[in-house]
N, C-alpha and C. Protein backbone atom coordinates (compact mmCIF):
# COMPACT_ATOMS: atom_id res chain seq x y z
N MET A 1 18.41 3.34 -14.55
CA MET A 1 17.46 3.67 -13.49
C MET A 1 16.79 2.38 -13.01
N GLU A 2 16.72 2.20 -11.71
CA GLU A 2 16.13 1.00 -11.13
C GLU A 2 14.60 1.08 -11.21
N ASP A 3 13.99 -0.04 -11.60
CA ASP A 3 12.53 -0.10 -11.71
C ASP A 3 11.95 -0.39 -10.32
N VAL A 4 11.02 0.42 -9.87
CA VAL A 4 10.43 0.29 -8.55
C VAL A 4 9.24 -0.66 -8.62
N MET A 5 9.15 -1.53 -7.63
CA MET A 5 8.01 -2.45 -7.55
C MET A 5 6.74 -1.69 -7.18
N ARG A 6 5.65 -2.13 -7.75
CA ARG A 6 4.34 -1.53 -7.48
C ARG A 6 3.43 -2.65 -6.95
N TYR A 7 2.70 -2.36 -5.90
CA TYR A 7 1.80 -3.32 -5.27
C TYR A 7 0.38 -2.77 -5.34
N MET A 8 -0.52 -3.55 -5.93
CA MET A 8 -1.90 -3.10 -6.13
C MET A 8 -2.87 -4.23 -5.80
N LYS A 9 -4.08 -3.81 -5.44
CA LYS A 9 -5.21 -4.73 -5.32
C LYS A 9 -6.33 -4.15 -6.18
N ALA A 10 -6.89 -4.98 -7.05
CA ALA A 10 -7.97 -4.54 -7.94
C ALA A 10 -9.21 -5.38 -7.69
N ARG A 11 -10.37 -4.77 -7.88
CA ARG A 11 -11.65 -5.47 -7.81
C ARG A 11 -12.30 -5.33 -9.17
N VAL A 12 -12.66 -6.47 -9.77
CA VAL A 12 -13.25 -6.49 -11.11
C VAL A 12 -14.69 -6.95 -10.98
N THR A 13 -15.63 -6.14 -11.46
CA THR A 13 -17.05 -6.49 -11.40
C THR A 13 -17.60 -6.69 -12.81
N GLY A 14 -18.71 -7.40 -12.87
CA GLY A 14 -19.36 -7.74 -14.14
C GLY A 14 -19.62 -9.23 -14.17
N ASP A 15 -19.65 -9.80 -15.36
CA ASP A 15 -19.81 -11.25 -15.50
C ASP A 15 -18.40 -11.84 -15.54
N VAL A 16 -17.81 -12.02 -14.35
CA VAL A 16 -16.40 -12.41 -14.25
C VAL A 16 -16.18 -13.70 -13.47
N GLN A 17 -17.23 -14.34 -13.02
CA GLN A 17 -17.10 -15.64 -12.36
C GLN A 17 -17.71 -16.71 -13.24
N GLY A 18 -17.06 -17.87 -13.28
CA GLY A 18 -17.57 -18.98 -14.08
C GLY A 18 -17.27 -18.84 -15.57
N VAL A 19 -16.36 -17.94 -15.92
CA VAL A 19 -16.03 -17.70 -17.34
C VAL A 19 -14.53 -17.82 -17.60
N GLY A 20 -13.78 -18.39 -16.65
CA GLY A 20 -12.34 -18.54 -16.81
C GLY A 20 -11.54 -17.29 -16.53
N PHE A 21 -12.15 -16.32 -15.86
CA PHE A 21 -11.48 -15.03 -15.63
C PHE A 21 -10.22 -15.18 -14.79
N ARG A 22 -10.32 -15.91 -13.67
CA ARG A 22 -9.15 -16.05 -12.79
C ARG A 22 -7.99 -16.74 -13.49
N TYR A 23 -8.30 -17.78 -14.26
CA TYR A 23 -7.24 -18.54 -14.92
C TYR A 23 -6.60 -17.73 -16.04
N ALA A 24 -7.39 -17.00 -16.78
CA ALA A 24 -6.84 -16.12 -17.82
C ALA A 24 -6.02 -15.00 -17.19
N THR A 25 -6.48 -14.50 -16.05
CA THR A 25 -5.74 -13.47 -15.32
C THR A 25 -4.38 -14.00 -14.89
N ALA A 26 -4.36 -15.22 -14.35
CA ALA A 26 -3.10 -15.82 -13.93
C ALA A 26 -2.15 -15.99 -15.11
N GLN A 27 -2.68 -16.43 -16.24
CA GLN A 27 -1.85 -16.62 -17.43
C GLN A 27 -1.24 -15.29 -17.88
N ARG A 28 -2.06 -14.25 -17.93
CA ARG A 28 -1.56 -12.93 -18.35
C ARG A 28 -0.54 -12.40 -17.35
N ALA A 29 -0.81 -12.56 -16.06
CA ALA A 29 0.12 -12.10 -15.03
C ALA A 29 1.47 -12.80 -15.16
N ARG A 30 1.45 -14.09 -15.40
CA ARG A 30 2.71 -14.83 -15.56
C ARG A 30 3.46 -14.36 -16.80
N GLN A 31 2.74 -14.04 -17.87
CA GLN A 31 3.39 -13.51 -19.08
C GLN A 31 4.10 -12.19 -18.78
N LEU A 32 3.51 -11.40 -17.90
CA LEU A 32 4.07 -10.09 -17.55
C LEU A 32 5.11 -10.17 -16.43
N GLY A 33 5.25 -11.34 -15.79
CA GLY A 33 6.17 -11.47 -14.68
C GLY A 33 5.64 -10.90 -13.38
N ILE A 34 4.32 -10.86 -13.24
CA ILE A 34 3.67 -10.32 -12.04
C ILE A 34 3.41 -11.45 -11.05
N SER A 35 3.64 -11.18 -9.78
CA SER A 35 3.26 -12.13 -8.73
C SER A 35 1.99 -11.63 -8.06
N GLY A 36 1.27 -12.54 -7.40
CA GLY A 36 0.04 -12.16 -6.71
C GLY A 36 -0.99 -13.25 -6.75
N TYR A 37 -2.26 -12.86 -6.87
CA TYR A 37 -3.35 -13.83 -6.82
C TYR A 37 -4.59 -13.28 -7.51
N ALA A 38 -5.50 -14.20 -7.83
CA ALA A 38 -6.85 -13.84 -8.29
C ALA A 38 -7.81 -14.76 -7.57
N ARG A 39 -8.85 -14.19 -6.97
CA ARG A 39 -9.82 -15.02 -6.25
C ARG A 39 -11.23 -14.46 -6.41
N ASN A 40 -12.19 -15.39 -6.41
CA ASN A 40 -13.59 -15.01 -6.46
C ASN A 40 -14.02 -14.43 -5.12
N CYS A 41 -14.90 -13.44 -5.16
CA CYS A 41 -15.46 -12.84 -3.95
C CYS A 41 -16.94 -13.21 -3.87
N ASP A 42 -17.48 -13.17 -2.66
CA ASP A 42 -18.88 -13.55 -2.42
C ASP A 42 -19.87 -12.69 -3.20
N ASP A 43 -19.49 -11.46 -3.53
CA ASP A 43 -20.42 -10.55 -4.23
C ASP A 43 -20.41 -10.74 -5.75
N GLY A 44 -19.69 -11.76 -6.25
CA GLY A 44 -19.66 -12.02 -7.68
C GLY A 44 -18.51 -11.36 -8.42
N SER A 45 -17.71 -10.58 -7.71
CA SER A 45 -16.56 -9.93 -8.33
C SER A 45 -15.33 -10.83 -8.20
N VAL A 46 -14.24 -10.39 -8.80
CA VAL A 46 -12.95 -11.06 -8.67
C VAL A 46 -11.96 -10.04 -8.11
N GLU A 47 -11.20 -10.46 -7.10
CA GLU A 47 -10.16 -9.62 -6.51
C GLU A 47 -8.81 -10.09 -7.05
N VAL A 48 -7.99 -9.14 -7.43
CA VAL A 48 -6.67 -9.45 -7.98
C VAL A 48 -5.62 -8.66 -7.21
N GLY A 49 -4.71 -9.37 -6.57
CA GLY A 49 -3.56 -8.74 -5.93
C GLY A 49 -2.38 -8.89 -6.86
N MET A 50 -1.57 -7.86 -7.00
CA MET A 50 -0.46 -7.95 -7.95
C MET A 50 0.75 -7.15 -7.49
N ALA A 51 1.91 -7.67 -7.82
CA ALA A 51 3.18 -7.00 -7.55
C ALA A 51 4.06 -7.15 -8.77
N GLY A 52 4.63 -6.04 -9.20
CA GLY A 52 5.51 -6.07 -10.36
C GLY A 52 6.01 -4.67 -10.65
N SER A 53 6.69 -4.53 -11.76
CA SER A 53 7.17 -3.20 -12.14
C SER A 53 5.97 -2.30 -12.44
N HIS A 54 6.20 -1.01 -12.38
CA HIS A 54 5.13 -0.05 -12.66
C HIS A 54 4.50 -0.33 -14.01
N ASP A 55 5.32 -0.52 -15.04
CA ASP A 55 4.80 -0.76 -16.39
C ASP A 55 4.02 -2.07 -16.49
N ASP A 56 4.52 -3.12 -15.85
CA ASP A 56 3.84 -4.41 -15.92
C ASP A 56 2.51 -4.39 -15.19
N VAL A 57 2.47 -3.75 -14.03
CA VAL A 57 1.20 -3.64 -13.29
C VAL A 57 0.21 -2.78 -14.08
N ALA A 58 0.69 -1.71 -14.69
CA ALA A 58 -0.20 -0.87 -15.52
C ALA A 58 -0.76 -1.69 -16.69
N ALA A 59 0.08 -2.51 -17.31
CA ALA A 59 -0.38 -3.37 -18.41
C ALA A 59 -1.40 -4.39 -17.91
N MET A 60 -1.20 -4.91 -16.71
CA MET A 60 -2.14 -5.87 -16.14
C MET A 60 -3.49 -5.21 -15.88
N ILE A 61 -3.48 -4.02 -15.33
CA ILE A 61 -4.73 -3.30 -15.06
C ILE A 61 -5.45 -2.99 -16.37
N ASP A 62 -4.70 -2.62 -17.40
CA ASP A 62 -5.31 -2.41 -18.72
C ASP A 62 -5.98 -3.70 -19.21
N TRP A 63 -5.30 -4.83 -19.05
CA TRP A 63 -5.85 -6.11 -19.49
C TRP A 63 -7.13 -6.45 -18.71
N LEU A 64 -7.14 -6.15 -17.41
CA LEU A 64 -8.32 -6.44 -16.58
C LEU A 64 -9.56 -5.69 -17.06
N GLN A 65 -9.38 -4.57 -17.75
CA GLN A 65 -10.51 -3.78 -18.23
C GLN A 65 -11.41 -4.57 -19.18
N THR A 66 -10.84 -5.55 -19.87
CA THR A 66 -11.63 -6.38 -20.79
C THR A 66 -11.60 -7.84 -20.40
N GLY A 67 -10.47 -8.33 -19.89
CA GLY A 67 -10.36 -9.72 -19.48
C GLY A 67 -10.45 -10.68 -20.66
N PRO A 68 -10.74 -11.95 -20.38
CA PRO A 68 -10.83 -12.95 -21.45
C PRO A 68 -12.12 -12.77 -22.26
N PRO A 69 -12.19 -13.38 -23.45
CA PRO A 69 -13.36 -13.19 -24.33
C PRO A 69 -14.71 -13.53 -23.71
N ALA A 70 -14.78 -14.54 -22.83
CA ALA A 70 -16.07 -14.96 -22.27
C ALA A 70 -16.56 -14.02 -21.16
N ALA A 71 -15.71 -13.14 -20.68
CA ALA A 71 -16.08 -12.25 -19.57
C ALA A 71 -16.72 -10.97 -20.08
N ARG A 72 -17.49 -10.33 -19.19
CA ARG A 72 -18.00 -8.98 -19.43
C ARG A 72 -17.59 -8.15 -18.21
N VAL A 73 -16.65 -7.26 -18.39
CA VAL A 73 -16.16 -6.43 -17.30
C VAL A 73 -16.95 -5.13 -17.28
N ASP A 74 -17.56 -4.84 -16.13
CA ASP A 74 -18.28 -3.58 -15.95
C ASP A 74 -17.39 -2.50 -15.37
N GLN A 75 -16.55 -2.88 -14.39
CA GLN A 75 -15.73 -1.88 -13.70
C GLN A 75 -14.51 -2.54 -13.09
N VAL A 76 -13.41 -1.80 -13.08
CA VAL A 76 -12.20 -2.21 -12.37
C VAL A 76 -11.82 -1.06 -11.44
N THR A 77 -11.73 -1.35 -10.16
CA THR A 77 -11.27 -0.36 -9.19
C THR A 77 -9.98 -0.89 -8.59
N GLY A 78 -9.07 0.00 -8.28
CA GLY A 78 -7.79 -0.43 -7.74
C GLY A 78 -7.29 0.49 -6.65
N GLU A 79 -6.42 -0.07 -5.84
CA GLU A 79 -5.78 0.71 -4.78
C GLU A 79 -4.38 0.18 -4.55
N ARG A 80 -3.49 1.07 -4.18
CA ARG A 80 -2.15 0.64 -3.80
C ARG A 80 -2.22 -0.02 -2.44
N ILE A 81 -1.37 -1.01 -2.25
CA ILE A 81 -1.33 -1.72 -0.98
C ILE A 81 0.12 -1.79 -0.50
N ALA A 82 0.30 -2.19 0.76
CA ALA A 82 1.64 -2.34 1.33
C ALA A 82 2.38 -3.45 0.59
N PRO A 83 3.69 -3.38 0.55
CA PRO A 83 4.47 -4.44 -0.11
C PRO A 83 4.12 -5.83 0.42
N GLN A 84 4.08 -6.77 -0.49
CA GLN A 84 3.75 -8.16 -0.18
C GLN A 84 4.90 -9.05 -0.62
N SER A 85 4.93 -10.27 -0.11
CA SER A 85 6.00 -11.21 -0.49
C SER A 85 5.40 -12.42 -1.20
N TRP A 86 4.58 -12.18 -2.23
CA TRP A 86 3.98 -13.26 -2.99
C TRP A 86 5.05 -13.98 -3.80
N SER A 87 4.82 -15.26 -4.01
CA SER A 87 5.71 -16.06 -4.85
C SER A 87 4.88 -16.61 -6.00
N GLY A 88 5.14 -16.17 -7.21
CA GLY A 88 4.35 -16.60 -8.36
C GLY A 88 2.97 -15.97 -8.34
N PHE A 89 2.09 -16.49 -9.18
CA PHE A 89 0.72 -15.98 -9.25
C PHE A 89 -0.23 -17.15 -9.03
N GLN A 90 -1.11 -17.02 -8.04
CA GLN A 90 -2.00 -18.10 -7.63
C GLN A 90 -3.46 -17.76 -7.90
N THR A 91 -4.28 -18.79 -8.10
CA THR A 91 -5.73 -18.60 -8.17
C THR A 91 -6.34 -19.29 -6.97
N ALA A 92 -7.39 -18.69 -6.44
CA ALA A 92 -8.08 -19.27 -5.27
C ALA A 92 -9.57 -19.26 -5.51
């Protein structure tokens, strides 16, 4: 059975800026083979765009619930998005 790509955008709120969240997110995404991005938002949250297999994206969303040790995640919200053509995983 062919694995279908899943495209998601997540918003992570809490103490997630200035604690290495984006870089740890990129490392985890690369381990899972996910492409996309992580970037800081003006409201103090982090936005994560991701594309990968259903299982890998689900694992990434699970990881975002806690993030790296220095972070405090209050909430993760996500939505499906249109297919994207990201190459690798970038931080901005």
